[in-house]
Protein backbone atom coordinates (compact mmCIF):
# COMPACT_ATOMS: atom_id res chain seq x y z
CA ALA A 1 73.64 120.18 71.23
CA GLY A 2 74.46 121.12 68.17
CA PHE A 3 76.07 118.53 66.00
CA GLY A 4 79.70 118.36 65.88
CA THR A 5 80.57 120.50 69.04
CA LEU A 6 82.14 119.27 72.16
CA SER A 7 78.84 119.12 74.02
CA HIS A 8 77.75 117.01 71.08
CA SER A 9 80.66 114.24 71.63
CA VAL A 10 80.23 114.71 75.39
CA LEU A 11 76.55 113.57 75.30
CA PHE A 12 77.46 110.69 72.73
CA CYS A 13 79.99 108.99 75.38
CA ILE A 14 77.36 109.81 78.18
CA PHE A 15 74.65 108.04 76.41
CA VAL A 16 76.49 105.08 75.31
CA SER A 17 78.03 104.49 78.92
CA ALA A 18 74.09 105.18 79.67
CA TYR A 19 73.17 102.12 77.83
CA PHE A 20 75.69 99.99 79.50
CA GLY A 21 74.86 100.97 82.84
CA ILE A 22 71.09 99.75 82.16
CA VAL A 23 72.29 96.55 80.57
CA GLY A 24 74.44 95.68 83.37
CA MET A 25 72.17 96.65 86.12
CA PRO A 26 70.11 93.35 86.14
CA PHE A 27 73.29 91.51 86.79
CA LYS A 28 74.83 93.44 89.28
CA ILE A 29 71.42 93.57 91.30
CA TYR A 30 71.52 89.78 90.91
CA SER A 31 75.11 89.49 91.80
CA THR A 32 74.39 91.43 94.84
CA PHE A 33 71.47 90.06 96.12
CA VAL A 34 70.97 86.57 94.97
CA ILE A 35 74.78 85.22 94.70
CA GLU A 36 76.34 87.36 97.70
CA GLU A 37 73.10 86.76 99.67
CA LYS A 38 72.97 83.06 98.86
CA TYR A 39 76.50 82.72 100.89
CA GLY A 40 75.87 85.13 103.51
CA PHE A 41 78.34 87.39 102.37
CA ASN A 42 75.89 90.47 101.66
CA LYS A 43 74.56 93.11 104.04
CA MET A 44 73.20 95.96 102.02
CA SER A 45 69.72 96.56 101.97
CA PHE A 46 68.28 97.76 98.34
CA GLY A 47 68.25 101.62 99.73
CA LEU A 48 71.51 101.54 100.48
CA PHE A 49 72.52 99.93 96.64
CA VAL A 50 70.26 102.98 95.51
CA LEU A 51 72.00 105.39 97.17
CA ASP A 52 75.28 104.43 96.44
CA GLY A 53 74.25 103.67 92.56
CA ILE A 54 72.82 107.84 92.40
CA LYS A 55 76.39 109.30 95.06
CA GLY A 56 78.66 106.85 91.69
CA LEU A 57 76.24 108.78 89.27
CA VAL A 58 76.87 112.53 90.93
CA LEU A 59 80.74 111.57 90.97
CA SER A 60 81.50 110.09 87.95
CA ALA A 61 79.35 112.99 86.13
CA ALA A 62 81.12 115.59 88.73
CA LEU A 63 84.93 114.27 87.33
CA GLY A 64 84.23 112.55 83.76
CA ILE A 65 82.55 115.34 81.74
CA PRO A 66 84.77 118.24 82.36
CA VAL A 67 87.56 115.79 81.60
CA LEU A 68 85.84 114.59 78.15
CA TYR A 69 85.12 118.36 77.68
CA LEU A 70 88.86 118.46 77.67
CA VAL A 71 89.88 115.44 75.93
CA PHE A 72 87.46 116.37 72.94
CA TRP A 73 89.49 119.62 72.78
CA PHE A 74 92.82 118.61 72.62
CA MET A 75 91.40 116.55 69.96
CA ASN A 76 90.10 119.07 67.90
CA ILE A 77 92.87 121.97 68.57
CA ALA A 78 96.15 120.08 68.71
CA GLY A 79 96.27 118.43 65.41
CA SER A 80 98.01 115.28 65.23
CA GLU A 81 100.16 115.32 68.06
CA TRP A 82 96.50 115.53 70.20
CA TRP A 83 96.95 111.78 71.47
CA LEU A 84 100.09 112.74 73.71
CA TRP A 85 98.36 115.77 75.33
CA VAL A 86 95.09 113.36 76.23
CA TRP A 87 97.48 111.16 77.69
CA PHE A 88 99.24 113.37 79.55
CA ALA A 89 95.84 115.35 80.79
CA LEU A 90 94.55 111.82 82.01
CA THR A 91 97.76 110.56 83.72
CA VAL A 92 97.96 114.02 85.45
CA PHE A 93 94.16 113.96 86.51
CA GLN A 94 94.52 109.86 87.55
CA LEU A 95 97.39 110.93 89.97
CA LEU A 96 95.23 113.57 91.31
CA ILE A 97 92.21 111.16 92.40
CA VAL A 98 94.69 108.96 93.71
CA THR A 99 95.85 111.65 95.95
CA VAL A 100 92.63 113.01 97.09
CA TYR A 101 90.91 109.59 97.28
CA PRO A 102 91.32 108.31 100.58
CA THR A 103 90.81 112.11 102.09
CA PHE A 104 88.13 113.86 100.19
CA LEU A 105 86.20 110.97 97.85
CA ALA A 106 86.32 107.26 99.53
CA PRO A 107 84.60 109.06 102.94
CA LEU A 108 81.42 109.87 101.01
CA PHE A 109 80.38 106.20 100.76
CA ASN A 110 81.87 104.78 103.71
CA LYS A 111 82.66 106.13 107.53
CA PHE A 112 86.24 106.19 108.81
CA GLN A 113 87.06 106.10 112.13
CA PRO A 114 90.46 105.95 114.02
CA LEU A 115 91.80 102.78 114.97
CA LYS A 116 90.66 102.13 118.60
CA ASP A 117 92.94 99.40 120.02
CA ASP A 118 95.59 101.39 121.31
CA LEU A 119 97.70 98.22 121.34
CA LEU A 120 97.34 97.25 118.01
CA ASN A 121 97.96 100.49 116.61
CA GLU A 122 101.39 101.34 118.35
CA ARG A 123 102.09 97.95 117.12
CA ILE A 124 101.23 99.28 113.36
CA GLN A 125 102.75 102.83 113.89
CA THR A 126 106.11 101.20 115.17
CA LEU A 127 105.81 98.62 112.14
CA ALA A 128 105.83 101.53 109.89
CA ARG A 129 108.28 103.57 111.71
CA LYS A 130 110.86 100.74 111.50
CA ILE A 131 110.32 100.60 107.89
CA LYS A 132 110.52 104.33 106.76
CA PHE A 133 106.55 103.71 105.80
CA LYS A 134 104.91 107.58 106.27
CA ILE A 135 101.36 107.15 107.09
CA SER A 136 98.47 109.87 108.04
CA GLY A 137 96.73 107.37 110.52
CA VAL A 138 95.57 103.57 110.76
CA PHE A 139 91.56 103.37 110.08
CA ILE A 140 88.60 101.42 110.89
CA MET A 141 86.19 101.06 107.36
CA ASP A 142 82.65 100.77 107.93
CA GLY A 143 82.65 97.39 105.40
CA SER A 144 80.33 95.35 107.17
CA ARG A 145 77.18 97.64 106.19
CA ARG A 146 77.80 96.38 102.43
CA SER A 147 79.47 93.09 102.72
CA GLY A 148 81.01 90.39 104.33
CA HIS A 149 84.36 90.20 102.94
CA ALA A 150 87.30 91.21 104.97
CA ASN A 151 90.37 93.59 103.23
CA ALA A 152 92.70 95.77 103.98
CA TYR A 153 94.74 98.97 102.01
CA PHE A 154 96.59 101.78 101.96
CA SER A 155 95.78 104.12 99.51
CA GLY A 156 97.01 108.36 99.00
CA MET A 157 100.01 109.65 98.29
CA GLY A 158 102.61 111.80 100.45
CA LYS A 159 100.54 113.06 103.40
CA PHE A 160 97.35 111.75 102.61
CA ARG A 161 98.10 108.09 102.39
CA ARG A 162 96.58 106.32 104.89
CA ILE A 163 95.98 102.27 106.50
CA VAL A 164 92.64 101.36 106.04
CA LEU A 165 91.55 98.05 107.81
CA PHE A 166 87.80 96.59 107.37
CA ASP A 167 85.85 96.41 110.51
CA THR A 168 85.08 92.78 109.22
CA LEU A 169 88.62 91.96 108.94
CA GLN A 170 89.57 92.95 112.80
CA LYS A 171 86.42 90.75 113.70
CA GLN A 172 88.13 87.47 111.42
CA LEU A 173 91.48 88.04 112.46
CA ASN A 174 93.73 88.46 115.70
CA SER A 175 96.50 91.29 116.05
CA ASP A 176 99.31 89.33 114.88
CA GLU A 177 97.77 88.18 112.22
CA ILE A 178 96.02 91.71 111.04
CA VAL A 179 99.71 93.40 111.55
CA ALA A 180 101.58 90.37 109.11
CA VAL A 181 98.58 91.37 106.51
CA LEU A 182 99.64 95.43 106.84
CA ALA A 183 103.26 94.60 106.68
CA HIS A 184 102.63 92.54 103.19
CA GLU A 185 101.05 95.93 102.02
CA MET A 186 103.53 98.20 102.69
CA GLY A 187 105.98 95.70 101.65
CA HIS A 188 104.14 96.35 98.23
CA ASN A 189 104.96 99.95 98.84
CA VAL A 190 108.69 99.80 99.78
CA LYS A 191 109.52 97.40 97.00
CA HIS A 192 108.21 100.54 94.46
CA HIS A 193 105.54 97.57 93.02
CA ILE A 194 102.75 100.10 93.24
CA ARG A 195 104.72 102.79 91.19
CA LYS A 196 106.03 100.21 89.20
CA PHE A 197 102.56 98.93 88.27
CA MET A 198 101.20 102.58 87.78
CA ILE A 199 104.34 103.69 85.38
CA LEU A 200 103.79 100.70 83.15
CA SER A 201 100.07 101.61 83.10
CA THR A 202 100.65 104.83 82.09
CA LEU A 203 103.11 103.14 79.46
CA LEU A 204 100.39 101.13 77.95
CA SER A 205 98.03 103.81 77.69
CA LEU A 206 100.30 105.72 76.28
CA ALA A 207 100.55 103.56 73.44
CA GLY A 208 96.96 103.08 73.36
CA PHE A 209 96.46 106.84 72.58
CA TYR A 210 99.29 105.90 69.62
CA ILE A 211 97.52 103.26 68.63
CA LEU A 212 94.25 105.44 68.18
CA SER A 213 95.74 107.99 66.64
CA LEU A 214 97.19 105.72 63.64
CA LEU A 215 93.28 104.53 63.46
CA ILE A 216 91.14 107.69 64.30
CA ASP A 217 91.16 108.92 60.29
CA TRP A 218 91.18 104.99 59.17
CA PRO A 219 87.45 104.19 57.38
CA GLN A 220 87.66 100.85 57.61
CA PHE A 221 88.24 101.14 61.79
CA TYR A 222 84.26 102.85 61.30
CA SER A 223 83.31 100.84 58.96
CA ALA A 224 84.26 97.50 60.69
CA PHE A 225 82.13 98.97 63.72
CA ASN A 226 78.96 100.34 61.43
CA ILE A 227 79.82 103.68 61.92
CA SER A 228 78.65 105.95 58.99
CA MET A 229 80.73 109.11 59.55
CA ALA A 230 84.24 109.55 61.16
CA ASN A 231 84.22 111.42 64.38
CA HIS A 232 86.50 111.58 67.32
CA HIS A 233 83.64 110.61 69.36
CA ALA A 234 83.09 106.90 68.34
CA ALA A 235 86.37 106.21 67.29
CA LEU A 236 87.11 107.12 71.26
CA VAL A 237 84.29 104.46 72.35
CA ILE A 238 84.72 102.32 69.89
CA PHE A 239 88.57 102.01 70.77
CA MET A 240 87.70 101.75 74.23
CA ILE A 241 85.06 98.74 74.00
CA ALA A 242 87.25 96.67 71.86
CA SER A 243 90.41 97.03 72.95
CA GLU A 244 89.95 94.79 75.50
CA ALA A 245 89.63 91.82 73.32
CA PHE A 246 92.93 93.18 71.62
CA THR A 247 94.82 92.96 74.85
CA PHE A 248 93.28 90.20 76.17
CA MET A 249 96.68 87.74 75.80
CA LEU A 250 98.25 90.16 77.78
CA THR A 251 96.83 89.47 80.82
CA PRO A 252 99.08 86.05 81.89
CA ILE A 253 102.01 88.61 81.35
CA MET A 254 100.38 90.94 83.57
CA ASN A 255 99.12 88.38 86.23
CA GLN A 256 102.77 87.10 85.93
CA LEU A 257 103.93 90.56 87.42
CA SER A 258 101.50 90.54 89.91
CA ARG A 259 102.22 87.59 91.32
CA LYS A 260 105.56 87.66 91.33
CA ASN A 261 105.01 90.92 93.54
CA GLU A 262 102.83 89.35 96.04
CA TYR A 263 105.48 86.22 96.70
CA GLU A 264 108.22 89.64 97.48
CA ALA A 265 105.40 90.98 99.92
CA ASP A 266 104.86 88.04 101.34
CA ALA A 267 108.43 87.62 102.46
CA PHE A 268 108.77 91.32 103.34
CA SER A 269 106.29 90.66 105.52
CA VAL A 270 107.61 87.69 106.99
CA GLU A 271 111.22 89.26 107.41
CA ASN A 272 109.89 92.19 109.01
CA THR A 273 107.66 90.56 111.32
CA GLY A 274 109.58 87.81 112.19
CA ASP A 275 106.12 85.74 112.07
CA LYS A 276 105.56 82.84 109.46
CA LYS A 277 102.68 81.49 111.14
CA ALA A 278 100.47 84.41 111.60
CA MET A 279 100.93 85.18 107.66
CA ILE A 280 100.17 81.80 106.51
CA SER A 281 97.31 81.37 109.01
CA SER A 282 95.85 85.21 107.71
CA LEU A 283 96.03 83.93 104.34
CA VAL A 284 94.07 80.53 105.58
CA LYS A 285 91.71 82.71 107.56
CA LEU A 286 90.63 85.07 104.60
CA SER A 287 90.73 82.58 102.63
CA LYS A 288 87.71 80.68 104.25
CA GLU A 289 85.75 83.85 105.28
CA ASN A 290 85.51 84.48 101.64
CA LEU A 291 85.06 81.20 99.92
CA SER A 292 88.01 81.18 97.70
CA ASN A 293 88.67 78.49 95.19
CA LEU A 294 91.97 76.75 96.86
CA ASN A 295 92.49 74.36 94.10
CA PRO A 296 91.52 76.30 90.79
CA HIS A 297 92.61 74.51 87.50
CA PRO A 298 96.45 75.16 86.92
CA ALA A 299 95.86 76.57 83.37
CA TYR A 300 93.18 79.10 84.90
CA SER A 301 94.67 80.43 87.42
CA PHE A 302 98.07 81.05 84.79
CA TYR A 303 95.76 82.50 83.15
CA HIS A 304 93.41 84.64 85.10
CA TYR A 305 94.47 84.80 88.74
CA SER A 306 96.41 88.30 89.65
CA HIS A 307 97.60 86.32 93.21
CA PRO A 308 99.09 82.53 93.75
CA THR A 309 96.78 80.58 95.79
CA THR A 310 96.62 80.08 99.37
CA ILE A 311 98.50 76.94 99.10
CA GLU A 312 100.87 78.52 96.50
CA ARG A 313 101.53 81.54 98.91
CA ALA A 314 101.58 78.76 102.03
CA GLN A 315 104.28 76.41 100.27
CA ALA A 316 106.46 79.71 99.48
CA ILE A 317 106.45 81.16 103.07
CA GLU A 318 107.64 78.20 104.72
CA LYS A 319 110.24 78.18 102.14
CA ILE A 320 111.36 81.61 103.40
């Protein structure tokens, strides 16, 4: 592709990604078709697994390659301020993806149908109107094609925002419990948890690119990783891979913030549905169905868990 060109830099990133993808594939297959299969969660055929992988590769290439070209172009032409331009471009790209994901990207992998349970749909819509939570609709996703795990979420921004229920969730929980779970999810939005997380994430990203701008011309940064010649693509790849080791100490801090948000969303659900019992029973059922660890070691939970344990959440709900 021509040494030192933008295409050379992009291809370097592609080949490194391909390397990690190939090395990680046996573990992904084992996780899906051995561990998940052993406990009854895997519902995916190997053909669907391969098809998902191909779709993921095509989508990653279609979205990622132009972004990589833009990143390296800024690194080449923007001088010492390149990190600001790269950070801004990636932030805008991420916001765009979040906005269009539910309408244009998610349907590439799953089927979404409007919720056919009119009574449940009206209860959800009534709750959304009560708390002034604007949605484009409530949809059922065919999660059971791939997994026995259950979930619910909302995604998108503005008029693209929608509530999604896994079909497995509809089978595992009754109507009161589903409304309680969705009230919890809506609480994250009303309490601005997602907005705050996105702001924090973009600020951390800004700090990361600034640190990379300090390291990118430092010879020791490259020699430490056995790179003989300083270049932008090696610096970017090394930083993205190695930064996980240096940000590991931030894990408990971020998880503490996340757990605080979960308690607040639980409280929001109870306050707006008036139903402690449904919120607690939904947590217990989901923990049981997903074979969650109800009693992890407190030190491990403190460091690694982004959510409080089911027992901790139930106790907090009882105190409301």
